[in-house]
Amino acid sequence: MNLKPTSINPTVTHRVQRFGFIKIVALSGLFATGALALAYDPQVTEYKLATPLHAPAQNAVAAMALQENTGTAVVRLDGFTLDVNFKYNPVEENYGVPGSDFMNAEILDLAVDQAYDNSGNEISDFTDFNDHLTINAMLVAHILQNRMLEGV
């Protein structure tokens, strides 16, 4: 049992090669950056606005008359006056608390009968989908604010 233990030479086995590691990291970083730069195409990602380019600045409901499930209103939208007919559905809603029941309105159909400019001259219908959404929201807000569904 004359085995001689083998000694470990730390200068040979535990040598840290820092400069070789730094070179490899730097080269792989440059390679990855170059690959990403070649793959990037700025024309692929073209973003468009989700909101309309023109939102009405002035809007108001000047007059409104309700029947059973239909109504007529005079709406002012950016200085223009619109005569509209609409069909609505009264909906019972609440805030999740007992005693908070109220009647809400849901606009089912909206038709612009006539449109007038600031001078009162009749013009053709210029409204689009976004204008109709705005008009629907204005009509519902006017109905709720004036509690017009309680009497119908």
Protein backbone atom coordinates (compact mmCIF):
# COMPACT_ATOMS: atom_id res chain seq x y z
CA MET A 1 0.00 0.00 0.00
CA ASN A 2 2.61 2.39 -0.99
CA LEU A 3 0.31 4.42 -3.12
CA LYS A 4 1.37 7.88 -3.52
CA PRO A 5 -1.50 10.34 -3.62
CA THR A 6 -1.56 12.33 -6.80
CA SER A 7 -1.47 15.97 -6.15
CA ILE A 8 -3.56 18.39 -8.07
CA ASN A 9 -1.65 21.19 -9.61
CA PRO A 10 -3.94 24.25 -9.38
CA THR A 11 -2.04 26.19 -11.99
CA VAL A 12 -2.82 23.53 -14.57
CA THR A 13 -6.31 22.38 -13.65
CA HIS A 14 -7.92 25.50 -12.24
CA ARG A 15 -6.62 28.08 -14.62
CA VAL A 16 -9.28 30.60 -15.60
CA GLN A 17 -9.06 31.76 -19.15
CA ARG A 18 -10.81 35.09 -18.85
CA PHE A 19 -9.69 36.65 -22.11
CA GLY A 20 -10.81 33.65 -24.18
CA PHE A 21 -14.26 33.76 -22.55
CA ILE A 22 -14.60 37.48 -23.19
CA LYS A 23 -13.65 37.01 -26.84
CA ILE A 24 -16.30 34.31 -27.31
CA VAL A 25 -19.03 36.42 -25.64
CA ALA A 26 -18.12 39.46 -27.71
CA LEU A 27 -18.10 37.52 -30.98
CA SER A 28 -21.44 35.82 -30.25
CA GLY A 29 -22.96 39.21 -29.31
CA LEU A 30 -21.77 40.73 -32.55
CA PHE A 31 -23.10 37.80 -34.52
CA ALA A 32 -26.53 38.03 -32.84
CA THR A 33 -26.72 41.80 -33.41
CA GLY A 34 -25.80 41.38 -37.06
CA ALA A 35 -28.40 38.66 -37.56
CA LEU A 36 -31.11 40.84 -35.97
CA ALA A 37 -30.08 43.84 -38.06
CA LEU A 38 -30.37 41.82 -41.26
CA ALA A 39 -33.76 40.37 -40.27
CA TYR A 40 -35.29 43.75 -39.30
CA ASP A 41 -37.53 45.26 -41.95
CA PRO A 42 -39.07 48.61 -40.92
CA GLN A 43 -41.73 48.47 -43.64
CA VAL A 44 -43.36 45.34 -42.20
CA THR A 45 -44.74 47.04 -39.09
CA GLU A 46 -47.06 49.77 -40.25
CA TYR A 47 -49.43 51.02 -37.57
CA LYS A 48 -52.77 52.69 -38.12
CA LEU A 49 -54.83 54.68 -35.67
CA ALA A 50 -57.72 52.82 -34.08
CA THR A 51 -59.59 56.03 -33.30
CA PRO A 52 -61.20 58.10 -36.00
CA LEU A 53 -59.17 60.95 -37.40
CA HIS A 54 -61.97 63.43 -36.75
CA ALA A 55 -64.06 63.29 -33.62
CA PRO A 56 -66.97 65.72 -33.29
CA ALA A 57 -66.04 68.74 -31.18
CA GLN A 58 -69.56 69.97 -30.49
CA ASN A 59 -72.52 67.68 -30.06
CA ALA A 60 -75.85 68.02 -28.35
CA VAL A 61 -79.38 66.71 -28.51
CA ALA A 62 -81.60 69.74 -29.15
CA ALA A 63 -85.00 68.00 -28.98
CA MET A 64 -86.33 64.47 -28.53
CA ALA A 65 -89.71 62.77 -28.61
CA LEU A 66 -90.26 59.13 -27.59
CA GLN A 67 -93.10 56.77 -28.40
CA GLU A 68 -93.41 53.08 -27.41
CA ASN A 69 -90.21 51.76 -29.04
CA THR A 70 -89.38 54.53 -31.50
CA GLY A 71 -88.28 58.11 -31.25
CA THR A 72 -87.27 61.19 -33.18
CA ALA A 73 -84.59 63.69 -32.27
CA VAL A 74 -82.84 66.79 -33.51
CA VAL A 75 -79.09 66.40 -33.03
CA ARG A 76 -76.40 69.07 -33.41
CA LEU A 77 -73.09 67.62 -34.56
CA ASP A 78 -70.18 70.01 -35.28
CA GLY A 79 -72.45 72.86 -36.31
CA PHE A 80 -74.64 70.65 -38.49
CA THR A 81 -78.22 69.84 -37.54
CA LEU A 82 -79.49 66.31 -38.10
CA ASP A 83 -83.06 65.05 -37.94
CA VAL A 84 -82.88 61.40 -36.86
CA ASN A 85 -85.33 58.55 -36.33
CA PHE A 86 -84.37 55.66 -34.11
CA LYS A 87 -85.72 52.46 -32.63
CA TYR A 88 -84.77 51.62 -29.08
CA ASN A 89 -85.24 48.84 -26.59
CA PRO A 90 -85.71 49.62 -22.88
CA VAL A 91 -83.50 47.39 -20.75
CA GLU A 92 -83.76 46.90 -16.99
CA GLU A 93 -80.34 47.16 -15.36
CA ASN A 94 -78.86 47.56 -11.90
CA TYR A 95 -75.52 48.23 -10.27
CA GLY A 96 -75.48 44.89 -8.43
CA VAL A 97 -76.88 46.37 -5.23
CA PRO A 98 -80.48 45.84 -4.10
CA GLY A 99 -82.53 48.92 -4.90
CA SER A 100 -80.26 50.18 -7.67
CA ASP A 101 -82.57 49.17 -10.52
CA PHE A 102 -82.94 51.59 -13.42
CA MET A 103 -84.12 51.56 -17.01
CA ASN A 104 -81.46 51.85 -19.69
CA ALA A 105 -81.97 52.27 -23.42
CA GLU A 106 -80.35 50.36 -26.24
CA ILE A 107 -80.47 51.97 -29.69
CA LEU A 108 -81.33 49.29 -32.24
CA ASP A 109 -81.67 51.28 -35.46
CA LEU A 110 -80.68 54.82 -36.37
CA ALA A 111 -81.62 56.69 -39.54
CA VAL A 112 -80.60 60.22 -40.49
CA ASP A 113 -83.61 61.74 -42.25
CA GLN A 114 -82.24 65.18 -43.12
CA ALA A 115 -79.04 67.13 -42.55
CA TYR A 116 -78.69 70.92 -42.50
CA ASP A 117 -75.65 73.19 -42.47
CA ASN A 118 -75.18 76.32 -40.32
CA SER A 119 -77.29 78.45 -42.66
CA GLY A 120 -80.20 76.01 -42.63
CA ASN A 121 -79.59 74.71 -46.15
CA GLU A 122 -80.31 71.01 -46.64
CA ILE A 123 -77.22 68.95 -47.44
CA SER A 124 -76.68 65.27 -48.19
CA ASP A 125 -76.06 62.82 -45.36
CA PHE A 126 -72.33 62.87 -44.49
CA THR A 127 -72.34 60.69 -41.38
CA ASP A 128 -70.26 57.55 -41.11
CA PHE A 129 -70.10 54.65 -38.66
CA ASN A 130 -68.22 56.65 -36.01
CA ASP A 131 -70.76 59.48 -36.20
CA HIS A 132 -73.57 56.97 -35.71
CA LEU A 133 -71.84 55.56 -32.62
CA THR A 134 -71.52 59.10 -31.25
CA ILE A 135 -75.15 59.88 -31.99
CA ASN A 136 -76.28 56.62 -30.32
CA ALA A 137 -74.30 57.47 -27.19
CA MET A 138 -75.72 61.01 -27.15
CA LEU A 139 -79.29 59.75 -27.47
CA VAL A 140 -78.90 57.20 -24.67
CA ALA A 141 -77.24 59.80 -22.43
CA HIS A 142 -80.07 62.29 -23.09
CA ILE A 143 -82.72 59.65 -22.36
CA LEU A 144 -81.06 58.65 -19.08
CA GLN A 145 -80.25 62.19 -17.96
CA ASN A 146 -83.84 63.36 -18.44
CA ARG A 147 -85.38 60.07 -17.19
CA MET A 148 -87.52 59.80 -20.28
CA LEU A 149 -88.09 56.03 -19.99
CA GLU A 150 -90.02 56.34 -16.72
CA GLY A 151 -92.97 57.98 -18.45
CA VAL A 152 -93.08 55.73 -21.53
